[in-house]
């Protein structure tokens, strides 16, 4: 995965590169896709998506964070190929009605956002959560809407030198909920019972 430049700080996030890598695999974005994002913050996911999708609509309810998204997006403009629209709005208001893929980078209003995803039959839905209690509520919300395909939990550790050897610092665990509201994806049955992925922060 090509590195991205994030010279501007939003005081939250960004989504870690390892988490973005898994996220992009689940979203499977292509040049014909419209990608919608809730909570753009630093713009890390916005930038990654804008290198793959044809169109990107990124929402951020905090104007100062949207400014950071815009500045970091500009810092990566040479590698961005999508038509990107940034909206200062609180989801589900401001979400497009024709998105192919949706990412929820935060848990605010997530049930209403999922209702919008169901109403507009979004094909690929991914939500990142960093808190266990929220992950539980989100899993139930996905199940209640019959859109849950899987829940993935993972943790990344980074090595550092300690007394001439290698030790590790661990990032917080991430819960990733993956689903689909498209009729083309079958009846929505899930294997999620085998295991219960977030930013982690964005």
C-alpha atoms as a PDB file:
ATOM      1  CA  UNK A   1       0.000   0.000   0.000  1.00  0.00           C
ATOM      2  CA  UNK A   2       1.461   3.330  -1.076  1.00  0.00           C
ATOM      3  CA  UNK A   3       2.238   5.634   1.868  1.00  0.00           C
ATOM      4  CA  UNK A   4       0.145   8.756   2.334  1.00  0.00           C
ATOM      5  CA  UNK A   5       1.186  12.169   3.631  1.00  0.00           C
ATOM      6  CA  UNK A   6      -0.685  13.531   6.655  1.00  0.00           C
ATOM      7  CA  UNK A   7       1.085  16.794   7.482  1.00  0.00           C
ATOM      8  CA  UNK A   8      -1.913  18.266   9.299  1.00  0.00           C
ATOM      9  CA  UNK A   9      -3.225  17.040  12.654  1.00  0.00           C
ATOM     10  CA  UNK A  10      -6.927  16.756  13.547  1.00  0.00           C
ATOM     11  CA  UNK A  11      -6.280  15.912  17.228  1.00  0.00           C
ATOM     12  CA  UNK A  12      -7.809  12.471  16.603  1.00  0.00           C
ATOM     13  CA  UNK A  13      -6.694   9.519  14.547  1.00  0.00           C
ATOM     14  CA  UNK A  14      -5.624   8.863  11.932  1.00  0.00           C
ATOM     15  CA  UNK A  15      -6.810   5.343  11.200  1.00  0.00           C
ATOM     16  CA  UNK A  16      -3.672   3.210  11.469  1.00  0.00           C
ATOM     17  CA  UNK A  17      -2.137   2.024   8.197  1.00  0.00           C
ATOM     18  CA  UNK A  18      -2.613  -1.654   9.078  1.00  0.00           C
ATOM     19  CA  UNK A  19      -6.304  -1.015   9.797  1.00  0.00           C
ATOM     20  CA  UNK A  20      -6.668   0.897   6.518  1.00  0.00           C
ATOM     21  CA  UNK A  21      -5.158  -2.033   4.651  1.00  0.00           C
ATOM     22  CA  UNK A  22      -7.788  -4.454   5.976  1.00  0.00           C
ATOM     23  CA  UNK A  23     -10.528  -1.857   5.499  1.00  0.00           C
ATOM     24  CA  UNK A  24      -9.643  -1.371   1.837  1.00  0.00           C
ATOM     25  CA  UNK A  25      -9.673  -5.121   1.287  1.00  0.00           C
ATOM     26  CA  UNK A  26     -13.195  -5.357   2.708  1.00  0.00           C
ATOM     27  CA  UNK A  27     -14.464  -2.360   0.706  1.00  0.00           C
ATOM     28  CA  UNK A  28     -12.930  -3.643  -2.556  1.00  0.00           C
ATOM     29  CA  UNK A  29     -13.242  -0.233  -4.223  1.00  0.00           C
ATOM     30  CA  UNK A  30     -13.050   0.117  -8.005  1.00  0.00           C
ATOM     31  CA  UNK A  31     -13.083   3.003 -10.497  1.00  0.00           C
ATOM     32  CA  UNK A  32     -16.852   2.759 -11.018  1.00  0.00           C
ATOM     33  CA  UNK A  33     -17.673   3.002  -7.288  1.00  0.00           C
ATOM     34  CA  UNK A  34     -19.048   5.895  -5.285  1.00  0.00           C
ATOM     35  CA  UNK A  35     -17.552   5.662  -1.799  1.00  0.00           C
ATOM     36  CA  UNK A  36     -19.205   7.446   1.130  1.00  0.00           C
ATOM     37  CA  UNK A  37     -17.417   8.097   4.403  1.00  0.00           C
ATOM     38  CA  UNK A  38     -18.829   9.188   7.751  1.00  0.00           C
ATOM     39  CA  UNK A  39     -16.251  11.007   9.881  1.00  0.00           C
ATOM     40  CA  UNK A  40     -13.343  11.952   7.603  1.00  0.00           C
ATOM     41  CA  UNK A  41     -11.236  13.594  10.353  1.00  0.00           C
ATOM     42  CA  UNK A  42      -7.583  13.547   9.186  1.00  0.00           C
ATOM     43  CA  UNK A  43      -8.604  12.298   5.747  1.00  0.00           C
ATOM     44  CA  UNK A  44      -6.489   9.140   5.872  1.00  0.00           C
ATOM     45  CA  UNK A  45      -9.305   6.876   4.660  1.00  0.00           C
ATOM     46  CA  UNK A  46     -10.589   9.594   2.309  1.00  0.00           C
ATOM     47  CA  UNK A  47      -7.213   9.698   0.566  1.00  0.00           C
ATOM     48  CA  UNK A  48      -6.883   5.919   0.321  1.00  0.00           C
ATOM     49  CA  UNK A  49     -10.403   5.636  -1.115  1.00  0.00           C
ATOM     50  CA  UNK A  50      -9.783   8.491  -3.561  1.00  0.00           C
ATOM     51  CA  UNK A  51      -6.928   6.479  -5.074  1.00  0.00           C
ATOM     52  CA  UNK A  52      -9.269   3.600  -5.883  1.00  0.00           C
ATOM     53  CA  UNK A  53     -12.886   4.710  -6.246  1.00  0.00           C
ATOM     54  CA  UNK A  54     -14.286   6.854  -9.043  1.00  0.00           C
ATOM     55  CA  UNK A  55     -16.099   9.222  -6.680  1.00  0.00           C
ATOM     56  CA  UNK A  56     -15.793   9.958  -2.970  1.00  0.00           C
ATOM     57  CA  UNK A  57     -18.214  11.792  -0.696  1.00  0.00           C
ATOM     58  CA  UNK A  58     -16.695  12.382   2.752  1.00  0.00           C
ATOM     59  CA  UNK A  59     -18.727  13.781   5.658  1.00  0.00           C
ATOM     60  CA  UNK A  60     -17.320  15.441   8.757  1.00  0.00           C
ATOM     61  CA  UNK A  61     -19.533  17.229  11.279  1.00  0.00           C
ATOM     62  CA  UNK A  62     -16.706  19.324  12.752  1.00  0.00           C
ATOM     63  CA  UNK A  63     -15.662  22.151  10.421  1.00  0.00           C
ATOM     64  CA  UNK A  64     -12.098  22.317  11.771  1.00  0.00           C
ATOM     65  CA  UNK A  65     -11.582  18.613  11.132  1.00  0.00           C
ATOM     66  CA  UNK A  66     -13.022  18.958   7.637  1.00  0.00           C
ATOM     67  CA  UNK A  67     -10.407  21.652   7.013  1.00  0.00           C
ATOM     68  CA  UNK A  68      -7.736  19.132   8.037  1.00  0.00           C
ATOM     69  CA  UNK A  69      -9.225  16.560   5.651  1.00  0.00           C
ATOM     70  CA  UNK A  70      -9.065  19.112   2.833  1.00  0.00           C
ATOM     71  CA  UNK A  71      -5.466  20.106   3.601  1.00  0.00           C
ATOM     72  CA  UNK A  72      -4.234  16.518   3.812  1.00  0.00           C
ATOM     73  CA  UNK A  73      -6.130  15.635   0.651  1.00  0.00           C
ATOM     74  CA  UNK A  74      -4.333  18.511  -1.126  1.00  0.00           C
ATOM     75  CA  UNK A  75      -1.002  17.157   0.144  1.00  0.00           C
ATOM     76  CA  UNK A  76      -1.708  13.905  -1.728  1.00  0.00           C
ATOM     77  CA  UNK A  77      -3.356  15.373  -4.835  1.00  0.00           C
ATOM     78  CA  UNK A  78      -0.829  13.819  -7.231  1.00  0.00           C
ATOM     79  CA  UNK A  79      -1.999  10.309  -6.310  1.00  0.00           C
ATOM     80  CA  UNK A  80      -5.721  11.031  -6.000  1.00  0.00           C
ATOM     81  CA  UNK A  81      -7.763  10.036  -9.037  1.00  0.00           C
ATOM     82  CA  UNK A  82     -11.355  10.256  -7.750  1.00  0.00           C
ATOM     83  CA  UNK A  83     -13.793  13.138  -7.888  1.00  0.00           C
ATOM     84  CA  UNK A  84     -13.891  14.051  -4.171  1.00  0.00           C
ATOM     85  CA  UNK A  85     -16.639  16.022  -2.433  1.00  0.00           C
ATOM     86  CA  UNK A  86     -16.205  17.043   1.198  1.00  0.00           C
ATOM     87  CA  UNK A  87     -19.344  17.894   3.152  1.00  0.00           C
ATOM     88  CA  UNK A  88     -19.620  19.596   6.548  1.00  0.00           C
ATOM     89  CA  UNK A  89     -22.627  17.581   7.692  1.00  0.00           C
ATOM     90  CA  UNK A  90     -23.719  15.147  10.355  1.00  0.00           C
ATOM     91  CA  UNK A  91     -24.750  11.768   9.014  1.00  0.00           C
ATOM     92  CA  UNK A  92     -27.120  10.517   7.844  1.00  0.00           C
ATOM     93  CA  UNK A  93     -27.841  14.023   6.514  1.00  0.00           C
ATOM     94  CA  UNK A  94     -25.552  14.702   3.590  1.00  0.00           C
ATOM     95  CA  UNK A  95     -25.037  11.070   2.602  1.00  0.00           C
ATOM     96  CA  UNK A  96     -25.548  10.299  -1.096  1.00  0.00           C
ATOM     97  CA  UNK A  97     -28.410   8.028  -2.137  1.00  0.00           C
ATOM     98  CA  UNK A  98     -26.376   6.102  -4.711  1.00  0.00           C
ATOM     99  CA  UNK A  99     -23.260   5.015  -2.805  1.00  0.00           C
ATOM    100  CA  UNK A 100     -21.751   1.617  -3.584  1.00  0.00           C
ATOM    101  CA  UNK A 101     -19.639   1.439  -0.430  1.00  0.00           C
ATOM    102  CA  UNK A 102     -19.868   3.080   2.990  1.00  0.00           C
ATOM    103  CA  UNK A 103     -17.396   3.457   5.839  1.00  0.00           C
ATOM    104  CA  UNK A 104     -18.372   4.548   9.339  1.00  0.00           C
ATOM    105  CA  UNK A 105     -15.273   5.832  11.092  1.00  0.00           C
ATOM    106  CA  UNK A 106     -17.165   6.631  14.271  1.00  0.00           C
ATOM    107  CA  UNK A 107     -20.207   5.492  16.211  1.00  0.00           C
ATOM    108  CA  UNK A 108     -22.237   8.726  16.392  1.00  0.00           C
ATOM    109  CA  UNK A 109     -25.752   8.211  14.948  1.00  0.00           C
ATOM    110  CA  UNK A 110     -24.638   4.851  13.579  1.00  0.00           C
ATOM    111  CA  UNK A 111     -28.121   3.300  13.719  1.00  0.00           C
ATOM    112  CA  UNK A 112     -29.595   6.084  11.571  1.00  0.00           C
ATOM    113  CA  UNK A 113     -26.659   5.737   9.177  1.00  0.00           C
ATOM    114  CA  UNK A 114     -27.301   1.995   8.903  1.00  0.00           C
ATOM    115  CA  UNK A 115     -30.982   2.705   8.211  1.00  0.00           C
ATOM    116  CA  UNK A 116     -29.885   4.941   5.348  1.00  0.00           C
ATOM    117  CA  UNK A 117     -27.600   2.170   4.078  1.00  0.00           C
ATOM    118  CA  UNK A 118     -30.506  -0.269   4.088  1.00  0.00           C
ATOM    119  CA  UNK A 119     -32.904   2.188   2.432  1.00  0.00           C
ATOM    120  CA  UNK A 120     -30.411   2.905  -0.358  1.00  0.00           C
ATOM    121  CA  UNK A 121     -29.191  -0.711  -0.633  1.00  0.00           C
ATOM    122  CA  UNK A 122     -25.490   0.010  -0.201  1.00  0.00           C
ATOM    123  CA  UNK A 123     -23.481  -2.984  -1.347  1.00  0.00           C
ATOM    124  CA  UNK A 124     -20.475  -2.807   1.009  1.00  0.00           C
ATOM    125  CA  UNK A 125     -20.641  -1.436   4.553  1.00  0.00           C
ATOM    126  CA  UNK A 126     -17.766  -1.318   7.027  1.00  0.00           C
ATOM    127  CA  UNK A 127     -17.804   0.163  10.526  1.00  0.00           C
ATOM    128  CA  UNK A 128     -14.733   0.503  12.735  1.00  0.00           C
ATOM    129  CA  UNK A 129     -15.141   0.492  16.512  1.00  0.00           C
ATOM    130  CA  UNK A 130     -12.560   0.735  19.290  1.00  0.00           C
ATOM    131  CA  UNK A 131     -14.778   0.242  22.370  1.00  0.00           C
ATOM    132  CA  UNK A 132     -16.130  -3.158  23.337  1.00  0.00           C
ATOM    133  CA  UNK A 133     -19.551  -1.932  24.465  1.00  0.00           C
ATOM    134  CA  UNK A 134     -20.103   0.008  21.241  1.00  0.00           C
ATOM    135  CA  UNK A 135     -18.964  -2.999  19.224  1.00  0.00           C
ATOM    136  CA  UNK A 136     -21.658  -5.080  20.913  1.00  0.00           C
ATOM    137  CA  UNK A 137     -24.393  -2.541  20.174  1.00  0.00           C
ATOM    138  CA  UNK A 138     -23.217  -2.134  16.606  1.00  0.00           C
ATOM    139  CA  UNK A 139     -23.174  -5.885  16.039  1.00  0.00           C
ATOM    140  CA  UNK A 140     -26.774  -6.134  17.215  1.00  0.00           C
ATOM    141  CA  UNK A 141     -27.759  -3.193  14.992  1.00  0.00           C
ATOM    142  CA  UNK A 142     -26.212  -4.891  11.954  1.00  0.00           C
ATOM    143  CA  UNK A 143     -27.990  -8.140  12.839  1.00  0.00           C
ATOM    144  CA  UNK A 144     -31.356  -6.457  13.397  1.00  0.00           C
ATOM    145  CA  UNK A 145     -31.135  -5.013   9.873  1.00  0.00           C
ATOM    146  CA  UNK A 146     -30.040  -8.359   8.435  1.00  0.00           C
ATOM    147  CA  UNK A 147     -26.895  -6.852   6.935  1.00  0.00           C
ATOM    148  CA  UNK A 148     -24.123  -8.456   9.019  1.00  0.00           C
ATOM    149  CA  UNK A 149     -21.607 -10.604   7.158  1.00  0.00           C
ATOM    150  CA  UNK A 150     -18.726 -10.758   9.613  1.00  0.00           C
ATOM    151  CA  UNK A 151     -17.135  -9.197  12.657  1.00  0.00           C
ATOM    152  CA  UNK A 152     -13.348  -9.130  12.822  1.00  0.00           C
ATOM    153  CA  UNK A 153     -11.281  -8.303  15.902  1.00  0.00           C
ATOM    154  CA  UNK A 154      -7.563  -7.757  15.582  1.00  0.00           C
ATOM    155  CA  UNK A 155      -4.641  -6.118  17.322  1.00  0.00           C
ATOM    156  CA  UNK A 156      -1.393  -4.834  15.868  1.00  0.00           C
ATOM    157  CA  UNK A 157       1.910  -4.625  17.709  1.00  0.00           C
ATOM    158  CA  UNK A 158       4.996  -2.692  16.601  1.00  0.00           C
ATOM    159  CA  UNK A 159       8.493  -3.789  17.501  1.00  0.00           C
ATOM    160  CA  UNK A 160      11.123  -1.576  19.108  1.00  0.00           C
ATOM    161  CA  UNK A 161      14.659  -2.158  20.323  1.00  0.00           C
ATOM    162  CA  UNK A 162      15.044  -2.895  24.014  1.00  0.00           C
ATOM    163  CA  UNK A 163      18.409  -3.794  25.525  1.00  0.00           C
ATOM    164  CA  UNK A 164      19.725  -5.054  22.209  1.00  0.00           C
ATOM    165  CA  UNK A 165      16.636  -7.166  21.515  1.00  0.00           C
ATOM    166  CA  UNK A 166      13.154  -6.588  20.136  1.00  0.00           C
ATOM    167  CA  UNK A 167      10.114  -5.904  22.275  1.00  0.00           C
ATOM    168  CA  UNK A 168       6.624  -4.766  21.199  1.00  0.00           C
ATOM    169  CA  UNK A 169       4.139  -1.967  21.839  1.00  0.00           C
ATOM    170  CA  UNK A 170       0.534  -2.925  21.161  1.00  0.00           C
ATOM    171  CA  UNK A 171      -2.154  -0.717  19.607  1.00  0.00           C
ATOM    172  CA  UNK A 172      -5.673  -0.880  21.022  1.00  0.00           C
ATOM    173  CA  UNK A 173      -7.816  -3.724  19.651  1.00  0.00           C
ATOM    174  CA  UNK A 174     -10.008  -2.877  16.682  1.00  0.00           C
ATOM    175  CA  UNK A 175     -13.454  -4.269  15.898  1.00  0.00           C
ATOM    176  CA  UNK A 176     -14.521  -4.187  12.253  1.00  0.00           C
ATOM    177  CA  UNK A 177     -18.101  -4.911  11.277  1.00  0.00           C
ATOM    178  CA  UNK A 178     -18.628  -5.842   7.643  1.00  0.00           C
ATOM    179  CA  UNK A 179     -21.982  -6.089   5.907  1.00  0.00           C
ATOM    180  CA  UNK A 180     -24.110  -5.505   2.853  1.00  0.00           C
ATOM    181  CA  UNK A 181     -27.582  -4.104   2.245  1.00  0.00           C
ATOM    182  CA  UNK A 182     -27.636  -5.116  -1.395  1.00  0.00           C
ATOM    183  CA  UNK A 183     -30.098  -7.739  -2.610  1.00  0.00           C
ATOM    184  CA  UNK A 184     -27.306  -9.119  -4.769  1.00  0.00           C
ATOM    185  CA  UNK A 185     -25.450 -10.323  -1.692  1.00  0.00           C
ATOM    186  CA  UNK A 186     -27.945 -12.988  -0.712  1.00  0.00           C
ATOM    187  CA  UNK A 187     -30.072 -13.224   2.411  1.00  0.00           C
ATOM    188  CA  UNK A 188     -27.648 -11.502   4.789  1.00  0.00           C
ATOM    189  CA  UNK A 189     -26.848 -14.640   6.865  1.00  0.00           C
ATOM    190  CA  UNK A 190     -23.557 -14.326   8.651  1.00  0.00           C
ATOM    191  CA  UNK A 191     -20.672 -16.363  10.047  1.00  0.00           C
ATOM    192  CA  UNK A 192     -20.146 -13.773  12.737  1.00  0.00           C
ATOM    193  CA  UNK A 193     -20.770 -16.311  15.521  1.00  0.00           C
ATOM    194  CA  UNK A 194     -17.198 -17.536  15.043  1.00  0.00           C
ATOM    195  CA  UNK A 195     -15.747 -14.317  16.341  1.00  0.00           C
ATOM    196  CA  UNK A 196     -16.607 -10.939  17.352  1.00  0.00           C
ATOM    197  CA  UNK A 197     -12.413  -4.661  13.842  1.00  0.00           C
ATOM    198  CA  UNK A 198     -11.659   0.737  14.396  1.00  0.00           C
ATOM    199  CA  UNK A 199     -10.384   2.650  14.095  1.00  0.00           C
ATOM    200  CA  UNK A 200      -9.570   2.615  15.752  1.00  0.00           C
ATOM    201  CA  UNK A 201      -9.486   6.239  15.997  1.00  0.00           C
ATOM    202  CA  UNK A 202     -10.001   8.339  13.005  1.00  0.00           C
END
